[in-house]
Each structure stands twice: as C-alpha cells, then as structure tokens.
Amino acid sequence: MTVLGVALPGVVTGLSAQSQQLVRSMCVQTAVDIADARLVTVVADNEGKGYESVVARAYPSETVVRDGATYRCSTEVGWVIAPTLATSRTDEGLKRVRVTVRGPNGVEVTLQTILSDHAEAESTDEKPGEQGSPSTPGNGRRTRGGRI
C-alpha cells in the first residue's frame, strides 16, 4: 500500500503534464491552420485581384472560435527590399505578408510570405538607367509610409 501511495501521485502528475502538452499541441496546429487559411486568401487575392489589392485594411483582425477555443488572427502587410527583405519605405515590387494567430494556453503562431508585383514587372519597358516609361512614371517606385 505504501508503494501505491508514493507512486500514484507521480503517475497522475505525469499524465496531467502529458495531457496539457497534447492540448497545447492541438492548439498550435489549429493556430497554424487558421494562419495558413489567411495566407491562402491573401495569395489568391494577389493573383486574382492584383498586387495593389493586398493591403492590411483588406484583412482586418478577427476572432475565430474553433472547438470551443478562441483565437485572434491579425495580418500585417509591408514593403520589403530584395535581396535582404528588410522593411522599405517605398514600393520596390515586394510585400511581406505576416499573419499572427494567438490562441489559448499561450499559443502564438506567425506565418509569412513574400508577394511580388508581377504586373509591374511585365508592363515595364524600362531599360536599366532610364527614367521611366508610360506605365511607370518617374522611377517606377511608389512612395508612402513603410506600412501599407
């Protein structure tokens, strides 16, 4: 009886820790699924509606409830510079889309992708060193704040 009295609390504690880890893993997977779905939507918009349609206000933060748990999904869109992918204050034809999902049990998942302005690259007849063409006035760069 003494052996059971000493061993049982340890076994129960071990099972409790394993079940908590299992729940956390499930929450992480759900957060990844939510973030991935948002990225798929953004990429589809980039391909279907065009590069200019991908702006942060088009993807407002939202609350998603899955399996009784609440997740908060937010999206950031910003210009970046190739090849370093550092944040840019001007549009160089690349955008970073970062989706963050926060869920229960301290879960936080961030997925990101880089989108390019294929249409601008295809419609520009400029040669290196030229100052612009009818499709891209000036130097072809749009200037605004760093975030879109």
N, C-alpha and C. Protein backbone atom coordinates (compact mmCIF):
# COMPACT_ATOMS: atom_id res chain seq x y z
N MET A 1 0.81 -1.19 0.00
CA MET A 1 0.00 0.00 0.00
C MET A 1 0.86 1.26 0.00
N THR A 2 1.97 1.23 0.70
CA THR A 2 2.86 2.38 0.74
C THR A 2 3.42 2.69 -0.64
N VAL A 3 3.74 1.65 -1.40
CA VAL A 3 4.28 1.84 -2.75
C VAL A 3 3.27 2.57 -3.62
N LEU A 4 2.02 2.17 -3.58
CA LEU A 4 0.98 2.85 -4.34
C LEU A 4 0.81 4.29 -3.89
N GLY A 5 0.86 4.54 -2.63
CA GLY A 5 0.70 5.89 -2.10
C GLY A 5 1.81 6.82 -2.55
N VAL A 6 3.01 6.31 -2.74
CA VAL A 6 4.14 7.11 -3.18
C VAL A 6 4.15 7.23 -4.71
N ALA A 7 3.87 6.18 -5.43
CA ALA A 7 3.95 6.15 -6.88
C ALA A 7 2.77 6.83 -7.57
N LEU A 8 1.60 6.69 -7.02
CA LEU A 8 0.39 7.20 -7.66
C LEU A 8 0.42 8.71 -7.92
N PRO A 9 0.81 9.54 -6.97
CA PRO A 9 0.85 10.98 -7.27
C PRO A 9 1.80 11.32 -8.42
N GLY A 10 2.93 10.63 -8.51
CA GLY A 10 3.87 10.87 -9.61
C GLY A 10 3.29 10.48 -10.95
N VAL A 11 2.58 9.38 -11.01
CA VAL A 11 1.95 8.93 -12.24
C VAL A 11 0.87 9.91 -12.67
N VAL A 12 0.06 10.36 -11.73
CA VAL A 12 -1.02 11.31 -12.03
C VAL A 12 -0.42 12.63 -12.54
N THR A 13 0.65 13.09 -11.91
CA THR A 13 1.30 14.33 -12.34
C THR A 13 1.85 14.18 -13.76
N GLY A 14 2.46 13.02 -14.03
CA GLY A 14 3.00 12.77 -15.37
C GLY A 14 1.91 12.74 -16.43
N LEU A 15 0.81 12.12 -16.13
CA LEU A 15 -0.30 12.07 -17.07
C LEU A 15 -0.90 13.45 -17.29
N SER A 16 -0.98 14.24 -16.24
CA SER A 16 -1.51 15.59 -16.34
C SER A 16 -0.62 16.45 -17.24
N ALA A 17 0.69 16.35 -17.08
CA ALA A 17 1.61 17.12 -17.91
C ALA A 17 1.51 16.69 -19.37
N GLN A 18 1.38 15.38 -19.61
CA GLN A 18 1.24 14.89 -20.98
C GLN A 18 -0.06 15.37 -21.62
N SER A 19 -1.13 15.38 -20.86
CA SER A 19 -2.40 15.82 -21.43
C SER A 19 -2.36 17.33 -21.71
N GLN A 20 -1.69 18.09 -20.86
CA GLN A 20 -1.55 19.53 -21.11
C GLN A 20 -0.73 19.77 -22.38
N GLN A 21 0.32 19.00 -22.57
CA GLN A 21 1.15 19.13 -23.77
C GLN A 21 0.36 18.75 -25.02
N LEU A 22 -0.48 17.73 -24.91
CA LEU A 22 -1.31 17.32 -26.03
C LEU A 22 -2.30 18.42 -26.41
N VAL A 23 -2.92 19.02 -25.41
CA VAL A 23 -3.87 20.12 -25.67
C VAL A 23 -3.14 21.29 -26.32
N ARG A 24 -1.96 21.62 -25.81
CA ARG A 24 -1.18 22.73 -26.38
C ARG A 24 -0.81 22.43 -27.83
N SER A 25 -0.40 21.21 -28.12
CA SER A 25 -0.05 20.82 -29.49
C SER A 25 -1.25 20.97 -30.42
N MET A 26 -2.41 20.58 -29.93
CA MET A 26 -3.63 20.71 -30.74
C MET A 26 -3.95 22.19 -30.99
N CYS A 27 -3.73 23.03 -29.99
CA CYS A 27 -3.97 24.47 -30.15
C CYS A 27 -2.99 25.07 -31.16
N VAL A 28 -1.73 24.62 -31.11
CA VAL A 28 -0.74 25.10 -32.08
C VAL A 28 -1.16 24.71 -33.49
N GLN A 29 -1.59 23.47 -33.68
CA GLN A 29 -2.00 23.03 -35.01
C GLN A 29 -3.20 23.82 -35.51
N THR A 30 -4.14 24.10 -34.64
CA THR A 30 -5.31 24.90 -35.03
C THR A 30 -4.88 26.30 -35.42
N ALA A 31 -3.97 26.90 -34.66
CA ALA A 31 -3.47 28.24 -34.98
C ALA A 31 -2.76 28.25 -36.33
N VAL A 32 -1.97 27.23 -36.61
CA VAL A 32 -1.29 27.11 -37.91
C VAL A 32 -2.32 27.02 -39.03
N ASP A 33 -3.36 26.23 -38.83
CA ASP A 33 -4.41 26.07 -39.84
C ASP A 33 -5.10 27.40 -40.13
N ILE A 34 -5.38 28.17 -39.08
CA ILE A 34 -6.05 29.48 -39.25
C ILE A 34 -5.13 30.43 -40.00
N ALA A 35 -3.86 30.50 -39.62
CA ALA A 35 -2.90 31.39 -40.27
C ALA A 35 -2.70 30.98 -41.73
N ASP A 36 -2.60 29.69 -41.97
CA ASP A 36 -2.41 29.21 -43.34
C ASP A 36 -3.61 29.56 -44.22
N ALA A 37 -4.81 29.42 -43.69
CA ALA A 37 -6.01 29.78 -44.45
C ALA A 37 -5.99 31.26 -44.82
N ARG A 38 -5.55 32.11 -43.89
CA ARG A 38 -5.48 33.56 -44.19
C ARG A 38 -4.44 33.81 -45.28
N LEU A 39 -3.28 33.15 -45.21
CA LEU A 39 -2.25 33.34 -46.23
C LEU A 39 -2.73 32.86 -47.60
N VAL A 40 -3.46 31.77 -47.64
CA VAL A 40 -4.00 31.27 -48.91
C VAL A 40 -4.94 32.32 -49.51
N THR A 41 -5.75 32.95 -48.69
CA THR A 41 -6.65 34.01 -49.15
C THR A 41 -5.87 35.19 -49.72
N VAL A 42 -4.82 35.61 -49.02
CA VAL A 42 -4.01 36.74 -49.46
C VAL A 42 -3.33 36.42 -50.79
N VAL A 43 -2.75 35.25 -50.91
CA VAL A 43 -2.08 34.87 -52.16
C VAL A 43 -3.09 34.80 -53.30
N ALA A 44 -4.26 34.28 -53.04
CA ALA A 44 -5.31 34.23 -54.07
C ALA A 44 -5.72 35.64 -54.49
N ASP A 45 -5.83 36.55 -53.54
CA ASP A 45 -6.15 37.95 -53.86
C ASP A 45 -5.05 38.57 -54.72
N ASN A 46 -3.80 38.30 -54.38
CA ASN A 46 -2.67 38.83 -55.15
C ASN A 46 -2.74 38.33 -56.60
N GLU A 47 -3.06 37.08 -56.77
CA GLU A 47 -3.13 36.51 -58.11
C GLU A 47 -4.40 36.92 -58.86
N GLY A 48 -5.52 37.01 -58.14
CA GLY A 48 -6.80 37.31 -58.79
C GLY A 48 -7.12 38.79 -58.91
N LYS A 49 -6.92 39.54 -57.84
CA LYS A 49 -7.26 40.96 -57.83
C LYS A 49 -6.07 41.86 -58.11
N GLY A 50 -4.87 41.32 -57.92
CA GLY A 50 -3.67 42.10 -58.21
C GLY A 50 -2.92 42.53 -56.96
N TYR A 51 -1.67 42.85 -57.16
CA TYR A 51 -0.72 43.24 -56.11
C TYR A 51 -1.23 44.42 -55.27
N GLU A 52 -1.80 45.41 -55.94
CA GLU A 52 -2.28 46.62 -55.25
C GLU A 52 -3.42 46.33 -54.28
N SER A 53 -4.13 45.21 -54.47
CA SER A 53 -5.26 44.89 -53.59
C SER A 53 -4.81 44.33 -52.24
N VAL A 54 -3.56 43.91 -52.16
CA VAL A 54 -3.06 43.32 -50.91
C VAL A 54 -2.57 44.44 -50.00
N VAL A 55 -3.46 44.89 -49.14
CA VAL A 55 -3.18 45.93 -48.15
C VAL A 55 -3.75 45.47 -46.81
N ALA A 56 -3.17 45.94 -45.73
CA ALA A 56 -3.56 45.47 -44.40
C ALA A 56 -5.05 45.66 -44.12
N ARG A 57 -5.62 46.77 -44.56
CA ARG A 57 -7.03 47.03 -44.26
C ARG A 57 -7.97 46.03 -44.92
N ALA A 58 -7.49 45.32 -45.94
CA ALA A 58 -8.31 44.30 -46.60
C ALA A 58 -8.41 43.03 -45.77
N TYR A 59 -7.57 42.92 -44.74
CA TYR A 59 -7.53 41.72 -43.90
C TYR A 59 -7.59 42.12 -42.43
N PRO A 60 -8.73 42.60 -41.98
CA PRO A 60 -8.84 43.07 -40.59
C PRO A 60 -8.64 41.93 -39.59
N SER A 61 -8.23 42.31 -38.40
CA SER A 61 -8.10 41.32 -37.32
C SER A 61 -9.45 40.70 -37.07
N GLU A 62 -9.43 39.43 -36.72
CA GLU A 62 -10.68 38.75 -36.46
C GLU A 62 -10.51 37.72 -35.35
N THR A 63 -11.63 37.41 -34.72
CA THR A 63 -11.66 36.37 -33.69
C THR A 63 -12.26 35.13 -34.32
N VAL A 64 -11.57 34.00 -34.14
CA VAL A 64 -12.02 32.73 -34.69
C VAL A 64 -12.22 31.77 -33.54
N VAL A 65 -13.37 31.10 -33.50
CA VAL A 65 -13.63 30.10 -32.46
C VAL A 65 -13.60 28.73 -33.11
N ARG A 66 -12.71 27.88 -32.61
CA ARG A 66 -12.60 26.50 -33.10
C ARG A 66 -12.59 25.56 -31.91
N ASP A 67 -13.43 24.58 -31.95
CA ASP A 67 -13.52 23.57 -30.89
C ASP A 67 -13.67 24.21 -29.51
N GLY A 68 -14.43 25.29 -29.45
CA GLY A 68 -14.69 25.95 -28.18
C GLY A 68 -13.58 26.87 -27.70
N ALA A 69 -12.47 26.96 -28.44
CA ALA A 69 -11.35 27.83 -28.06
C ALA A 69 -11.32 29.06 -28.95
N THR A 70 -10.89 30.18 -28.40
CA THR A 70 -10.87 31.44 -29.12
C THR A 70 -9.45 31.77 -29.58
N TYR A 71 -9.34 32.15 -30.86
CA TYR A 71 -8.07 32.53 -31.47
C TYR A 71 -8.23 33.92 -32.06
N ARG A 72 -7.17 34.70 -32.02
CA ARG A 72 -7.17 36.06 -32.57
C ARG A 72 -6.19 36.08 -33.74
N CYS A 73 -6.68 36.41 -34.93
CA CYS A 73 -5.88 36.41 -36.15
C CYS A 73 -5.67 37.84 -36.63
N SER A 74 -4.41 38.23 -36.83
CA SER A 74 -4.11 39.57 -37.35
C SER A 74 -3.14 39.45 -38.52
N THR A 75 -3.20 40.43 -39.42
CA THR A 75 -2.38 40.41 -40.63
C THR A 75 -1.65 41.73 -40.78
N GLU A 76 -0.36 41.66 -41.07
CA GLU A 76 0.45 42.84 -41.37
C GLU A 76 0.92 42.73 -42.81
N VAL A 77 0.90 43.85 -43.53
CA VAL A 77 1.41 43.90 -44.90
C VAL A 77 2.38 45.07 -44.97
N GLY A 78 3.56 44.82 -45.49
CA GLY A 78 4.55 45.90 -45.60
C GLY A 78 5.49 45.65 -46.76
N TRP A 79 6.06 46.73 -47.28
CA TRP A 79 7.01 46.63 -48.39
C TRP A 79 8.36 46.16 -47.87
N VAL A 80 9.06 45.42 -48.71
CA VAL A 80 10.41 44.98 -48.39
C VAL A 80 11.31 45.17 -49.60
N ILE A 81 12.62 45.14 -49.34
CA ILE A 81 13.63 45.31 -50.38
C ILE A 81 14.33 43.98 -50.62
N ALA A 82 14.51 43.63 -51.88
CA ALA A 82 15.30 42.43 -52.22
C ALA A 82 16.78 42.82 -52.17
N PRO A 83 17.69 42.00 -51.87
CA PRO A 83 17.57 40.60 -51.51
C PRO A 83 17.48 40.38 -50.00
N THR A 84 17.60 41.44 -49.21
CA THR A 84 17.65 41.27 -47.75
C THR A 84 16.29 41.11 -47.12
N LEU A 85 15.24 41.53 -47.81
CA LEU A 85 13.87 41.54 -47.31
C LEU A 85 13.72 42.44 -46.09
N ALA A 86 14.57 43.47 -46.02
CA ALA A 86 14.44 44.48 -44.97
C ALA A 86 13.24 45.35 -45.28
N THR A 87 12.63 45.91 -44.25
CA THR A 87 11.47 46.79 -44.42
C THR A 87 11.86 48.00 -45.26
N SER A 88 10.95 48.38 -46.16
CA SER A 88 11.19 49.51 -47.07
C SER A 88 10.12 50.57 -46.87
N ARG A 89 10.48 51.81 -47.15
CA ARG A 89 9.51 52.91 -47.09
C ARG A 89 8.91 53.18 -48.46
N THR A 90 9.44 52.52 -49.48
CA THR A 90 8.92 52.68 -50.84
C THR A 90 8.58 51.29 -51.40
N ASP A 91 7.73 51.29 -52.39
CA ASP A 91 7.31 50.03 -53.00
C ASP A 91 8.32 49.63 -54.06
N GLU A 92 9.09 48.60 -53.77
CA GLU A 92 10.09 48.06 -54.69
C GLU A 92 9.54 46.86 -55.44
N GLY A 93 8.23 46.62 -55.32
CA GLY A 93 7.63 45.49 -56.01
C GLY A 93 7.55 44.22 -55.19
N LEU A 94 7.87 44.31 -53.88
CA LEU A 94 7.77 43.16 -52.99
C LEU A 94 7.03 43.55 -51.72
N LYS A 95 6.17 42.66 -51.26
CA LYS A 95 5.46 42.86 -50.00
C LYS A 95 5.65 41.64 -49.12
N ARG A 96 5.82 41.89 -47.82
CA ARG A 96 5.82 40.80 -46.83
C ARG A 96 4.44 40.79 -46.20
N VAL A 97 3.84 39.61 -46.18
CA VAL A 97 2.56 39.43 -45.51
C VAL A 97 2.83 38.52 -44.32
N ARG A 98 2.52 39.02 -43.14
CA ARG A 98 2.77 38.27 -41.90
C ARG A 98 1.44 38.09 -41.17
N VAL A 99 1.08 36.83 -40.94
CA VAL A 99 -0.17 36.50 -40.24
C VAL A 99 0.19 35.93 -38.87
N THR A 100 -0.36 36.53 -37.83
CA THR A 100 -0.12 36.06 -36.46
C THR A 100 -1.44 35.61 -35.86
N VAL A 101 -1.42 34.42 -35.26
CA VAL A 101 -2.61 33.89 -34.59
C VAL A 101 -2.23 33.61 -33.14
N ARG A 102 -3.02 34.19 -32.23
CA ARG A 102 -2.83 33.96 -30.80
C ARG A 102 -4.01 33.15 -30.29
N GLY A 103 -3.69 32.13 -29.50
CA GLY A 103 -4.75 31.25 -29.02
C GLY A 103 -4.60 30.94 -27.55
N PRO A 104 -5.35 29.97 -27.07
CA PRO A 104 -5.31 29.59 -25.65
C PRO A 104 -3.97 28.95 -25.29
N ASN A 105 -3.72 28.85 -24.02
CA ASN A 105 -2.51 28.22 -23.49
C ASN A 105 -1.23 28.90 -23.95
N GLY A 106 -1.29 30.21 -24.20
CA GLY A 106 -0.10 30.95 -24.59
C GLY A 106 0.38 30.66 -26.00
N VAL A 107 -0.45 30.08 -26.83
CA VAL A 107 -0.07 29.73 -28.20
C VAL A 107 0.01 30.99 -29.05
N GLU A 108 1.10 31.14 -29.77
CA GLU A 108 1.24 32.22 -30.75
C GLU A 108 2.00 31.67 -31.95
N VAL A 109 1.40 31.79 -33.13
CA VAL A 109 1.98 31.27 -34.36
C VAL A 109 2.04 32.42 -35.36
N THR A 110 3.18 32.54 -36.05
CA THR A 110 3.32 33.55 -37.11
C THR A 110 3.80 32.85 -38.37
N LEU A 111 3.05 33.05 -39.45
CA LEU A 111 3.44 32.58 -40.77
C LEU A 111 3.59 33.80 -41.67
N GLN A 112 4.52 33.74 -42.61
CA GLN A 112 4.68 34.87 -43.51
C GLN A 112 5.05 34.40 -44.91
N THR A 113 4.81 35.29 -45.87
CA THR A 113 5.18 35.02 -47.26
C THR A 113 5.57 36.35 -47.89
N ILE A 114 6.23 36.25 -49.03
CA ILE A 114 6.62 37.43 -49.80
C ILE A 114 5.85 37.38 -51.12
N LEU A 115 5.23 38.50 -51.47
CA LEU A 115 4.50 38.62 -52.72
C LEU A 115 5.23 39.60 -53.63
N SER A 116 5.16 39.35 -54.93
CA SER A 116 5.80 40.28 -55.87
C SER A 116 4.75 40.87 -56.80
N ASP A 117 5.11 42.03 -57.35
CA ASP A 117 4.24 42.74 -58.27
C ASP A 117 4.57 42.27 -59.69
N HIS A 118 4.02 41.11 -60.06
CA HIS A 118 4.29 40.55 -61.39
C HIS A 118 3.83 41.50 -62.49
N ALA A 119 2.68 42.14 -62.31
CA ALA A 119 2.12 43.00 -63.35
C ALA A 119 3.05 44.17 -63.64
N GLU A 120 3.64 44.76 -62.58
CA GLU A 120 4.54 45.88 -62.79
C GLU A 120 5.77 45.43 -63.56
N ALA A 121 6.31 44.29 -63.23
CA ALA A 121 7.50 43.78 -63.90
C ALA A 121 7.19 43.47 -65.37
N GLU A 122 6.00 42.96 -65.65
CA GLU A 122 5.64 42.61 -67.02
C GLU A 122 5.30 43.83 -67.86
N SER A 123 4.75 44.90 -67.24
CA SER A 123 4.29 46.06 -68.00
C SER A 123 5.37 47.13 -68.16
N THR A 124 6.51 46.97 -67.52
CA THR A 124 7.56 47.97 -67.59
C THR A 124 8.48 47.67 -68.75
N ASP A 125 8.62 48.66 -69.64
CA ASP A 125 9.51 48.52 -70.79
C ASP A 125 10.85 49.20 -70.53
N GLU A 126 11.09 49.61 -69.31
CA GLU A 126 12.31 50.35 -68.99
C GLU A 126 13.54 49.49 -69.15
N LYS A 127 14.61 50.16 -69.51
CA LYS A 127 15.92 49.53 -69.52
C LYS A 127 16.68 50.12 -68.34
N PRO A 128 17.65 49.43 -67.80
CA PRO A 128 18.41 49.99 -66.68
C PRO A 128 18.92 51.38 -67.02
N GLY A 129 18.71 52.31 -66.12
CA GLY A 129 19.19 53.67 -66.29
C GLY A 129 18.17 54.62 -66.86
N GLU A 130 17.06 54.13 -67.44
CA GLU A 130 16.03 55.01 -67.97
C GLU A 130 15.23 55.61 -66.83
N GLN A 131 14.63 56.77 -67.08
CA GLN A 131 13.89 57.47 -66.03
C GLN A 131 12.43 57.14 -65.98
N GLY A 132 11.94 56.26 -66.77
CA GLY A 132 10.52 55.89 -66.66
C GLY A 132 9.93 55.59 -68.01
N SER A 133 8.74 55.06 -67.99
CA SER A 133 8.00 54.77 -69.21
C SER A 133 6.56 55.16 -68.96
N PRO A 134 5.72 55.12 -69.98
CA PRO A 134 4.31 55.49 -69.74
C PRO A 134 3.65 54.68 -68.65
N SER A 135 4.07 53.42 -68.46
CA SER A 135 3.42 52.60 -67.44
C SER A 135 4.01 52.82 -66.06
N THR A 136 5.17 53.44 -65.97
CA THR A 136 5.80 53.68 -64.66
C THR A 136 6.41 55.08 -64.65
N PRO A 137 5.63 56.09 -64.28
CA PRO A 137 6.16 57.45 -64.26
C PRO A 137 7.32 57.57 -63.27
N GLY A 138 8.22 58.48 -63.56
CA GLY A 138 9.36 58.71 -62.66
C GLY A 138 10.26 57.49 -62.65
N ASN A 139 10.59 57.03 -61.47
CA ASN A 139 11.46 55.85 -61.37
C ASN A 139 10.66 54.57 -61.15
N GLY A 140 9.34 54.65 -61.25
CA GLY A 140 8.51 53.45 -61.12
C GLY A 140 8.25 53.06 -59.68
N ARG A 141 8.73 53.83 -58.73
CA ARG A 141 8.55 53.48 -57.31
C ARG A 141 7.46 54.35 -56.71
N ARG A 142 6.56 53.71 -56.02
CA ARG A 142 5.51 54.44 -55.34
C ARG A 142 6.00 54.73 -53.93
N THR A 143 5.80 55.92 -53.45
CA THR A 143 6.26 56.24 -52.10
C THR A 143 5.10 56.52 -51.19
N ARG A 144 5.11 55.88 -50.05
CA ARG A 144 4.13 56.08 -49.00
C ARG A 144 4.84 55.71 -47.71
N GLY A 145 4.10 55.56 -46.64
CA GLY A 145 4.70 55.12 -45.39
C GLY A 145 5.19 53.70 -45.53
N GLY A 146 5.95 53.21 -44.58
CA GLY A 146 6.52 51.88 -44.61
C GLY A 146 5.48 50.78 -44.55
N ARG A 147 4.36 51.03 -43.90
CA ARG A 147 3.29 50.04 -43.83
C ARG A 147 2.23 50.39 -44.85
N ILE A 148 1.58 49.38 -45.32
CA ILE A 148 0.58 49.58 -46.37
C ILE A 148 -0.80 49.40 -45.79
